[in-house]
């Protein structure tokens, strides 16, 4: 027989995703896409008509590039002149005088193609069509494309690579991954040492969940530029997302060696250390991230988790206080804070936190389980039974809730039913490889059998 009611050891909930920064894409200062059919906009969401236009441009350009069997840029032929000229007119209208517009590299590339063609063929054309002499079809673009006499001319391959890169960047920002990959692939064919293209192609693969390919691309970028801190950060981010925490830390270490004041690198290294159980080291990284300006609810949330794991209850509560102050509807923060308050014997405040979590999200099974645990510890077995049953209704694989309900049934002297709940909890704990819970249940069953 059990000697009094015992509550379960606190269960660490899975971390939540809040305002987490992502892998960096290069460049990150581009302006909105604008064509003749759109108006400048502030938000990074562009009309579908713009993307339909850009798809047609990409497909035609790829077809053009593929004509050169050596992977270079072919010359325009007479049949190309009309589409290239029409594209240039649209680009001039879209880019205007902006030096930072993402389509500017494409405009410069098309302008160079046309210049080369006209240098070679214009005299012959003007003899056939005298009216061409008076046309100024690309005057605006030529002015925008002027260089100092001492500036070496950029090769067509280089111009084309940057043009495809800019197209890929826009498609990636528009969540059009397959077209972004096609653009980046072509950019890399044209410029095999294009570090930013490998980086950005890796970012697209990451979005598609193809982490192995993403990591390979970041590795290639690092080979080409081994002192670029952002690349190590990005690869560390990918490895961390793949569950390779130790490998991620190695990359974050290198990123910090190259750039010791990058807050987001400390932040992600802290998360990786948390996952490895290196809680004190994780806290130091989170502190550094805050020091260098990463003031986010994520920092306080994950630092609170680390402090919870170290038994630093009051310090953890302070961090969850910050999370709730910044995000009053953060249900997991209420649940964690309630568990900590229960550990400290502040039962009224703990109950208030669990009630608040359930009020915000009535389908949050963890809060019912936590409230059931608290009610059971206070001898309120009927209330504990109701809460744990609701947690199980919401999550039929919730091993801790079965165990807590078993404890409540023991308190109500419903021993056979309690055994059934403990057996179910034990089965789930074994499936979920929860050794602490498994040991707890086995002890309770042994006590029942004595």
Protein backbone atom coordinates (compact mmCIF):
# COMPACT_ATOMS: atom_id res chain seq x y z
CA UNK A 1 0.00 0.00 0.00
CA UNK A 2 1.24 3.53 -0.72
CA UNK A 3 2.35 5.48 2.30
CA UNK A 4 0.69 8.77 1.51
CA UNK A 5 0.24 10.57 -1.80
CA UNK A 6 3.39 11.40 -3.75
CA UNK A 7 3.54 13.76 -6.70
CA UNK A 8 5.51 13.10 -9.83
CA UNK A 9 8.90 14.64 -10.48
CA UNK A 10 8.46 17.74 -12.64
CA UNK A 11 8.49 16.97 -16.33
CA UNK A 12 10.41 19.24 -18.69
CA UNK A 13 8.09 20.44 -21.41
CA UNK A 14 9.35 20.74 -24.97
CA UNK A 15 10.64 24.24 -25.77
CA UNK A 16 8.29 26.53 -27.66
CA UNK A 17 9.07 28.48 -30.79
CA UNK A 18 8.57 32.17 -30.21
CA UNK A 19 10.41 34.95 -32.01
CA UNK A 20 13.39 32.88 -33.07
CA UNK A 21 15.77 34.41 -35.61
CA UNK A 22 16.51 32.21 -38.58
CA UNK A 23 19.47 31.44 -40.74
CA UNK A 24 20.74 34.58 -42.46
CA UNK A 25 20.26 34.99 -46.18
CA UNK A 26 22.62 37.19 -48.16
CA UNK A 27 22.05 39.95 -49.01
CA UNK A 28 19.51 41.18 -46.47
CA UNK A 29 19.02 44.78 -47.56
CA UNK A 30 17.03 44.36 -50.76
CA UNK A 31 14.03 46.48 -51.60
CA UNK A 32 10.59 45.24 -52.69
CA UNK A 33 10.15 43.81 -56.16
CA UNK A 34 8.53 46.28 -58.52
CA UNK A 35 7.47 45.81 -62.13
CA UNK A 36 5.38 47.97 -64.36
CA UNK A 37 2.30 46.17 -63.08
CA UNK A 38 2.96 46.86 -59.38
CA UNK A 39 3.41 49.75 -56.99
CA UNK A 40 6.19 50.13 -54.40
CA UNK A 41 5.19 48.46 -51.14
CA UNK A 42 6.67 48.35 -47.65
CA UNK A 43 5.72 44.77 -46.62
CA UNK A 44 7.84 41.93 -48.11
CA UNK A 45 4.84 40.34 -49.82
CA UNK A 46 4.59 41.01 -53.52
CA UNK A 47 1.67 40.59 -55.92
CA UNK A 48 1.46 37.21 -57.62
CA UNK A 49 1.54 39.02 -60.94
CA UNK A 50 5.09 40.11 -60.16
CA UNK A 51 6.15 36.55 -59.48
CA UNK A 52 4.44 35.24 -62.62
CA UNK A 53 6.42 37.83 -64.55
CA UNK A 54 9.64 36.83 -62.78
CA UNK A 55 9.04 33.12 -63.46
CA UNK A 56 8.76 33.87 -67.16
CA UNK A 57 11.95 35.95 -67.02
CA UNK A 58 13.85 33.20 -65.17
CA UNK A 59 12.72 30.44 -67.51
CA UNK A 60 13.65 32.45 -70.59
CA UNK A 61 17.05 33.41 -69.18
CA UNK A 62 17.86 29.82 -68.20
CA UNK A 63 16.94 28.66 -71.70
CA UNK A 64 19.21 31.38 -73.09
CA UNK A 65 22.16 30.42 -70.86
CA UNK A 66 21.84 26.72 -71.71
CA UNK A 67 22.65 27.48 -75.33
CA UNK A 68 26.32 27.75 -74.35
CA UNK A 69 27.65 24.22 -73.92
CA UNK A 70 30.66 25.50 -71.95
CA UNK A 71 28.54 26.95 -69.13
CA UNK A 72 29.14 30.54 -70.15
CA UNK A 73 26.99 33.35 -71.50
CA UNK A 74 26.19 33.12 -75.21
CA UNK A 75 25.85 36.14 -77.47
CA UNK A 76 22.43 37.46 -78.36
CA UNK A 77 21.24 36.55 -81.81
CA UNK A 78 18.75 38.48 -83.88
CA UNK A 79 15.80 36.45 -82.57
CA UNK A 80 16.79 37.35 -79.00
CA UNK A 81 16.83 41.08 -79.53
CA UNK A 82 13.10 41.77 -79.16
CA UNK A 83 12.63 39.90 -75.86
CA UNK A 84 15.85 41.26 -74.36
CA UNK A 85 14.95 44.81 -75.32
CA UNK A 86 11.41 44.44 -73.92
CA UNK A 87 12.85 43.00 -70.69
CA UNK A 88 15.28 45.90 -70.38
CA UNK A 89 12.48 48.42 -70.74
CA UNK A 90 10.58 46.73 -67.90
CA UNK A 91 13.68 46.58 -65.72
CA UNK A 92 14.52 50.24 -66.25
CA UNK A 93 10.95 51.07 -65.25
CA UNK A 94 11.17 48.84 -62.17
CA UNK A 95 14.65 49.71 -60.91
CA UNK A 96 14.74 53.39 -61.75
CA UNK A 97 17.82 55.03 -60.23
CA UNK A 98 17.97 52.73 -57.21
CA UNK A 99 21.41 51.26 -56.56
CA UNK A 100 20.05 48.71 -54.08
CA UNK A 101 17.05 47.32 -55.93
CA UNK A 102 17.40 43.51 -56.13
CA UNK A 103 16.70 43.56 -59.87
CA UNK A 104 19.51 45.99 -60.65
CA UNK A 105 22.06 43.21 -61.34
CA UNK A 106 19.63 41.70 -63.83
CA UNK A 107 19.17 45.06 -65.52
CA UNK A 108 22.93 45.54 -65.82
CA UNK A 109 23.36 42.07 -67.29
CA UNK A 110 20.65 42.53 -69.93
CA UNK A 111 22.02 45.97 -70.75
CA UNK A 112 25.48 44.47 -71.31
CA UNK A 113 24.05 41.78 -73.60
CA UNK A 114 22.29 44.41 -75.68
CA UNK A 115 25.36 46.65 -75.78
CA UNK A 116 27.46 43.75 -77.05
CA UNK A 117 24.88 42.88 -79.69
CA UNK A 118 24.49 46.46 -80.91
CA UNK A 119 28.23 47.03 -81.01
CA UNK A 120 28.49 44.08 -83.36
CA UNK A 121 25.31 44.38 -85.41
CA UNK A 122 23.93 47.91 -85.17
CA UNK A 123 25.68 49.34 -88.26
CA UNK A 124 24.22 46.53 -90.34
CA UNK A 125 20.78 47.11 -88.83
CA UNK A 126 20.84 50.84 -89.38
CA UNK A 127 21.61 50.38 -93.01
CA UNK A 128 18.54 48.19 -93.31
CA UNK A 129 16.39 50.31 -90.99
CA UNK A 130 17.47 53.97 -91.00
CA UNK A 131 14.78 54.87 -88.46
CA UNK A 132 16.80 53.03 -85.78
CA UNK A 133 19.37 55.80 -85.82
CA UNK A 134 16.92 58.18 -84.16
CA UNK A 135 15.79 55.71 -81.46
CA UNK A 136 17.18 55.98 -77.96
CA UNK A 137 15.91 52.66 -76.77
CA UNK A 138 18.31 52.05 -73.95
CA UNK A 139 19.60 55.52 -73.12
CA UNK A 140 18.35 55.50 -69.51
CA UNK A 141 19.84 52.11 -68.82
CA UNK A 142 23.15 53.06 -70.43
CA UNK A 143 23.42 56.10 -68.16
CA UNK A 144 22.75 53.94 -65.09
CA UNK A 145 25.34 51.44 -66.28
CA UNK A 146 28.23 53.90 -66.85
CA UNK A 147 31.50 53.15 -65.12
CA UNK A 148 34.65 55.14 -64.57
CA UNK A 149 37.19 54.60 -67.28
CA UNK A 150 39.61 53.02 -64.81
CA UNK A 151 37.06 50.47 -63.57
CA UNK A 152 37.65 47.08 -65.19
CA UNK A 153 34.71 45.73 -67.15
CA UNK A 154 32.83 42.96 -65.36
CA UNK A 155 32.59 39.76 -67.37
CA UNK A 156 29.26 38.60 -68.73
CA UNK A 157 29.47 35.47 -66.58
CA UNK A 158 29.91 37.56 -63.44
CA UNK A 159 27.04 39.87 -64.37
CA UNK A 160 24.82 36.92 -65.22
CA UNK A 161 25.64 35.13 -61.95
CA UNK A 162 24.62 38.16 -59.92
CA UNK A 163 21.49 38.53 -62.01
CA UNK A 164 20.40 34.96 -61.27
CA UNK A 165 21.36 35.43 -57.62
CA UNK A 166 19.07 38.45 -57.35
CA UNK A 167 16.22 36.49 -58.92
CA UNK A 168 16.82 33.60 -56.51
CA UNK A 169 16.81 35.99 -53.58
CA UNK A 170 13.41 37.36 -54.57
CA UNK A 171 11.92 33.91 -55.10
CA UNK A 172 13.25 32.74 -51.74
CA UNK A 173 11.74 35.74 -49.96
CA UNK A 174 8.47 34.93 -51.72
CA UNK A 175 8.56 31.32 -50.44
CA UNK A 176 8.94 29.98 -53.99
CA UNK A 177 11.68 27.52 -53.20
CA UNK A 178 11.92 25.50 -56.40
CA UNK A 179 12.33 28.60 -58.57
CA UNK A 180 14.82 30.03 -56.09
CA UNK A 181 16.89 26.85 -56.37
CA UNK A 182 16.82 27.01 -60.16
CA UNK A 183 18.13 30.57 -60.04
CA UNK A 184 20.85 29.82 -57.49
CA UNK A 185 21.90 26.69 -59.40
CA UNK A 186 22.42 28.76 -62.52
CA UNK A 187 24.30 31.45 -60.59
CA UNK A 188 26.73 28.82 -59.27
CA UNK A 189 27.24 27.29 -62.72
CA UNK A 190 28.21 30.73 -63.99
CA UNK A 191 30.32 31.60 -60.93
CA UNK A 192 31.52 28.46 -59.11
CA UNK A 193 33.12 30.51 -56.29
CA UNK A 194 29.90 32.40 -55.51
CA UNK A 195 29.88 32.24 -51.69
CA UNK A 196 26.57 34.04 -51.20
CA UNK A 197 24.81 31.76 -53.69
CA UNK A 198 25.93 28.64 -51.81
CA UNK A 199 24.80 30.25 -48.55
CA UNK A 200 21.40 31.19 -49.91
CA UNK A 201 20.89 27.86 -51.63
CA UNK A 202 21.57 26.25 -48.28
CA UNK A 203 18.91 28.46 -46.72
CA UNK A 204 16.36 27.31 -49.32
CA UNK A 205 17.19 23.65 -48.67
CA UNK A 206 16.76 24.32 -44.96
CA UNK A 207 13.27 25.72 -45.59
CA UNK A 208 12.47 22.54 -47.52
CA UNK A 209 13.67 20.41 -44.60
CA UNK A 210 16.62 19.06 -46.63
CA UNK A 211 19.18 19.71 -43.92
CA UNK A 212 21.90 17.45 -45.35
CA UNK A 213 21.94 19.38 -48.62
CA UNK A 214 21.78 22.66 -46.76
CA UNK A 215 24.82 21.75 -44.64
CA UNK A 216 26.77 20.65 -47.74
CA UNK A 217 26.14 24.05 -49.34
CA UNK A 218 27.26 25.90 -46.21
CA UNK A 219 30.36 23.72 -46.10
CA UNK A 220 31.20 24.73 -49.67
CA UNK A 221 30.69 28.40 -48.81
CA UNK A 222 33.04 28.05 -45.83
CA UNK A 223 35.68 26.39 -48.02
CA UNK A 224 35.53 29.43 -50.28
CA UNK A 225 35.51 31.99 -47.44
CA UNK A 226 36.79 30.42 -44.19
CA UNK A 227 36.88 33.70 -42.24
CA UNK A 228 33.23 34.73 -42.76
CA UNK A 229 31.62 34.40 -39.32
CA UNK A 230 28.06 34.44 -40.65
CA UNK A 231 28.65 31.22 -42.57
CA UNK A 232 29.66 29.34 -39.43
CA UNK A 233 26.62 30.75 -37.64
CA UNK A 234 24.37 29.58 -40.47
CA UNK A 235 25.86 26.09 -40.53
CA UNK A 236 25.63 25.89 -36.76
CA UNK A 237 21.98 26.88 -36.99
CA UNK A 238 21.37 24.10 -39.52
CA UNK A 239 23.18 21.50 -37.44
CA UNK A 240 21.28 22.56 -34.34
CA UNK A 241 18.02 22.28 -36.26
CA UNK A 242 19.05 18.74 -37.24
CA UNK A 243 19.67 17.78 -33.61
CA UNK A 244 23.46 17.81 -34.00
CA UNK A 245 24.03 19.98 -30.93
CA UNK A 246 27.72 19.18 -30.41
CA UNK A 247 28.59 19.87 -34.05
CA UNK A 248 26.51 23.07 -33.90
CA UNK A 249 28.49 24.31 -30.89
CA UNK A 250 31.77 23.82 -32.77
CA UNK A 251 30.48 26.07 -35.57
CA UNK A 252 29.12 28.64 -33.11
CA UNK A 253 32.49 28.65 -31.32
CA UNK A 254 34.20 29.48 -34.62
CA UNK A 255 31.63 32.16 -35.44
CA UNK A 256 32.23 33.79 -32.04
CA UNK A 257 35.99 33.57 -32.54
CA UNK A 258 35.57 35.56 -35.76
CA UNK A 259 32.85 37.90 -34.44
CA UNK A 260 32.75 38.02 -30.65
CA UNK A 261 29.80 40.42 -30.38
CA UNK A 262 27.14 38.68 -32.45
CA UNK A 263 24.23 38.25 -30.03
CA UNK A 264 22.31 35.67 -32.05
CA UNK A 265 25.32 33.31 -32.11
CA UNK A 266 25.49 33.30 -28.32
CA UNK A 267 21.74 32.76 -28.22
CA UNK A 268 21.80 29.67 -30.43
CA UNK A 269 24.90 28.28 -28.75
CA UNK A 270 23.01 28.62 -25.48
CA UNK A 271 20.10 26.59 -26.89
CA UNK A 272 22.50 23.88 -28.10
CA UNK A 273 24.13 23.73 -24.67
CA UNK A 274 20.70 23.52 -23.06
CA UNK A 275 19.92 20.50 -25.22
CA UNK A 276 23.15 18.84 -24.08
CA UNK A 277 22.37 19.49 -20.41
CA UNK A 278 25.13 22.10 -20.07
CA UNK A 279 22.78 24.44 -18.28
CA UNK A 280 25.23 26.75 -16.54
CA UNK A 281 27.18 27.30 -19.76
CA UNK A 282 23.90 27.92 -21.56
CA UNK A 283 22.94 30.59 -19.03
CA UNK A 284 26.29 32.36 -19.60
CA UNK A 285 25.60 32.40 -23.35
CA UNK A 286 22.09 33.76 -22.87
CA UNK A 287 23.53 36.46 -20.61
CA UNK A 288 26.01 37.38 -23.36
CA UNK A 289 23.24 37.53 -25.94
CA UNK A 290 21.34 39.98 -23.73
CA UNK A 291 24.53 42.00 -23.18
CA UNK A 292 24.96 42.39 -26.94
CA UNK A 293 21.39 43.49 -27.52
CA UNK A 294 19.33 40.35 -28.15
CA UNK A 295 16.41 41.44 -25.97
CA UNK A 296 13.74 38.85 -26.74
CA UNK A 297 11.23 36.71 -24.91
CA UNK A 298 13.19 33.73 -26.25
CA UNK A 299 16.21 34.60 -24.16
CA UNK A 300 14.21 34.74 -20.94
CA UNK A 301 12.22 31.63 -21.82
CA UNK A 302 15.19 29.40 -22.57
CA UNK A 303 17.25 30.87 -19.74
CA UNK A 304 14.31 30.12 -17.46
CA UNK A 305 14.38 26.50 -18.65
CA UNK A 306 18.10 26.24 -17.88
CA UNK A 307 17.66 27.72 -14.41
CA UNK A 308 14.73 25.38 -13.78
CA UNK A 309 16.93 22.42 -14.63
CA UNK A 310 19.56 23.67 -12.15
CA UNK A 311 16.97 24.07 -9.39
CA UNK A 312 17.35 27.87 -9.38
CA UNK A 313 13.63 28.31 -8.79
CA UNK A 314 13.43 32.01 -7.91
CA UNK A 315 15.80 33.04 -10.71
CA UNK A 316 13.80 30.95 -13.18
CA UNK A 317 10.56 32.52 -11.99
CA UNK A 318 12.06 35.96 -12.69
CA UNK A 319 12.79 34.93 -16.28
CA UNK A 320 9.29 33.57 -16.80
CA UNK A 321 7.95 36.80 -15.29
CA UNK A 322 9.77 38.63 -18.11
CA UNK A 323 8.33 36.28 -20.74
CA UNK A 324 4.82 36.87 -19.46
CA UNK A 325 5.36 40.63 -19.27
CA UNK A 326 6.46 40.66 -22.90
CA UNK A 327 3.94 38.05 -24.11
CA UNK A 328 0.94 37.85 -21.75
CA UNK A 329 -0.60 34.93 -23.69
CA UNK A 330 2.47 32.67 -23.46
CA UNK A 331 0.77 29.59 -22.00
CA UNK A 332 3.92 27.45 -21.44
CA UNK A 333 5.47 30.26 -19.36
CA UNK A 334 2.48 30.25 -17.00
CA UNK A 335 2.70 26.48 -16.73
CA UNK A 336 6.43 26.52 -15.96
CA UNK A 337 6.06 29.34 -13.46
CA UNK A 338 3.21 27.48 -11.80
CA UNK A 339 5.35 24.34 -11.46
CA UNK A 340 8.17 26.38 -9.91
CA UNK A 341 5.81 28.07 -7.48
CA UNK A 342 4.42 24.70 -6.49
CA UNK A 343 7.97 23.49 -5.79
CA UNK A 344 8.43 26.50 -3.51
CA UNK A 345 5.17 25.81 -1.71
CA UNK A 346 3.41 28.89 -3.10
CA UNK A 347 0.31 26.88 -3.90
CA UNK A 348 -2.17 29.72 -4.39
CA UNK A 349 0.01 31.46 -6.97
CA UNK A 350 0.76 28.14 -8.65
CA UNK A 351 -2.95 27.39 -8.98
CA UNK A 352 -3.52 30.88 -10.40
CA UNK A 353 -0.88 30.24 -13.07
CA UNK A 354 -2.40 26.92 -14.09
CA UNK A 355 -5.87 28.48 -14.20
CA UNK A 356 -4.56 31.32 -16.35
CA UNK A 357 -2.89 28.90 -18.78
CA UNK A 358 -6.15 26.95 -19.15
CA UNK A 359 -8.15 30.15 -19.57
CA UNK A 360 -5.87 31.27 -22.42
CA UNK A 361 -5.81 27.84 -24.06
CA UNK A 362 -8.45 25.36 -22.87
CA UNK A 363 -6.82 22.65 -25.01
CA UNK A 364 -3.40 22.85 -23.32
CA UNK A 365 -3.09 19.38 -21.79
CA UNK A 366 0.05 20.17 -19.79
CA UNK A 367 -1.74 22.76 -17.66
CA UNK A 368 -4.49 20.29 -16.71
CA UNK A 369 -1.85 17.74 -15.75
CA UNK A 370 0.03 20.34 -13.69
CA UNK A 371 -3.14 21.44 -11.92
CA UNK A 372 -4.02 17.81 -11.32
CA UNK A 373 -0.58 17.24 -9.81
CA UNK A 374 -1.05 20.24 -7.51
CA UNK A 375 -4.56 19.20 -6.46
CA UNK A 376 -3.32 15.69 -5.73
CA UNK A 377 -0.49 17.02 -3.55
CA UNK A 378 -3.08 19.03 -1.58
CA UNK A 379 -5.30 15.97 -1.06
CA UNK A 380 -7.98 17.22 -3.46
CA UNK A 381 -8.19 13.87 -5.22
CA UNK A 382 -11.52 14.33 -7.02
CA UNK A 383 -10.31 17.59 -8.60
CA UNK A 384 -7.00 15.93 -9.48
CA UNK A 385 -8.86 13.05 -11.13
CA UNK A 386 -10.95 15.41 -13.24
CA UNK A 387 -7.92 17.42 -14.39
CA UNK A 388 -5.80 14.39 -15.27
CA UNK A 389 -8.70 12.80 -17.16
CA UNK A 390 -9.04 16.00 -19.21
CA UNK A 391 -5.29 16.00 -19.92
CA UNK A 392 -5.60 12.41 -21.18
CA UNK A 393 -8.61 13.31 -23.31
CA UNK A 394 -6.53 16.02 -24.96
CA UNK A 395 -3.45 13.82 -25.31
CA UNK A 396 -4.01 10.09 -25.14
CA UNK A 397 -0.23 9.45 -25.12
CA UNK A 398 0.39 11.63 -22.05
CA UNK A 399 2.28 9.24 -19.77
CA UNK A 400 2.63 11.70 -16.87
CA UNK A 401 -1.11 12.36 -16.83
CA UNK A 402 -1.86 8.63 -16.50
CA UNK A 403 0.63 8.42 -13.64
CA UNK A 404 -0.87 11.44 -11.89
CA UNK A 405 -4.37 10.05 -12.35
CA UNK A 406 -3.16 6.80 -10.86
CA UNK A 407 -1.91 8.73 -7.82
CA UNK A 408 -5.29 10.44 -7.46
CA UNK A 409 -7.10 7.09 -7.64
CA UNK A 410 -4.83 5.72 -4.92
CA UNK A 411 -5.87 8.68 -2.79
CA UNK A 412 -9.50 7.75 -3.46
CA UNK A 413 -8.75 4.11 -2.58
CA UNK A 414 -9.58 2.94 -6.13
CA UNK A 415 -6.55 0.67 -6.21
CA UNK A 416 -7.41 -1.61 -9.15
CA UNK A 417 -8.12 1.41 -11.35
CA UNK A 418 -4.89 3.00 -10.16
CA UNK A 419 -2.93 -0.10 -11.24
CA UNK A 420 -4.47 0.19 -14.70
CA UNK A 421 -3.35 3.82 -15.01
CA UNK A 422 0.13 3.02 -13.74
CA UNK A 423 0.48 0.16 -16.23
CA UNK A 424 -0.57 2.46 -19.09
CA UNK A 425 1.85 5.13 -17.87
CA UNK A 426 4.65 2.55 -17.66
CA UNK A 427 3.97 1.36 -21.21
CA UNK A 428 4.07 4.92 -22.56
CA UNK A 429 7.17 5.80 -20.51
CA UNK A 430 9.02 2.85 -22.04
CA UNK A 431 7.93 3.84 -25.55
CA UNK A 432 8.99 7.44 -24.92
CA UNK A 433 12.27 6.40 -23.23
CA UNK A 434 11.38 8.43 -20.13
CA UNK A 435 13.57 6.63 -17.60
CA UNK A 436 12.78 8.92 -14.65
CA UNK A 437 9.05 8.42 -15.04
CA UNK A 438 9.51 4.69 -15.60
CA UNK A 439 11.43 4.35 -12.31
CA UNK A 440 8.79 6.38 -10.46
CA UNK A 441 5.93 4.20 -11.71
CA UNK A 442 7.75 0.96 -10.99
CA UNK A 443 8.22 2.10 -7.37
CA UNK A 444 4.51 2.92 -7.05
CA UNK A 445 3.48 -0.46 -8.47
CA UNK A 446 5.86 -2.21 -6.09
CA UNK A 447 4.31 -0.36 -3.15
CA UNK A 448 0.81 -1.34 -4.31
CA UNK A 449 1.82 -4.99 -4.47
CA UNK A 450 3.25 -5.06 -0.95
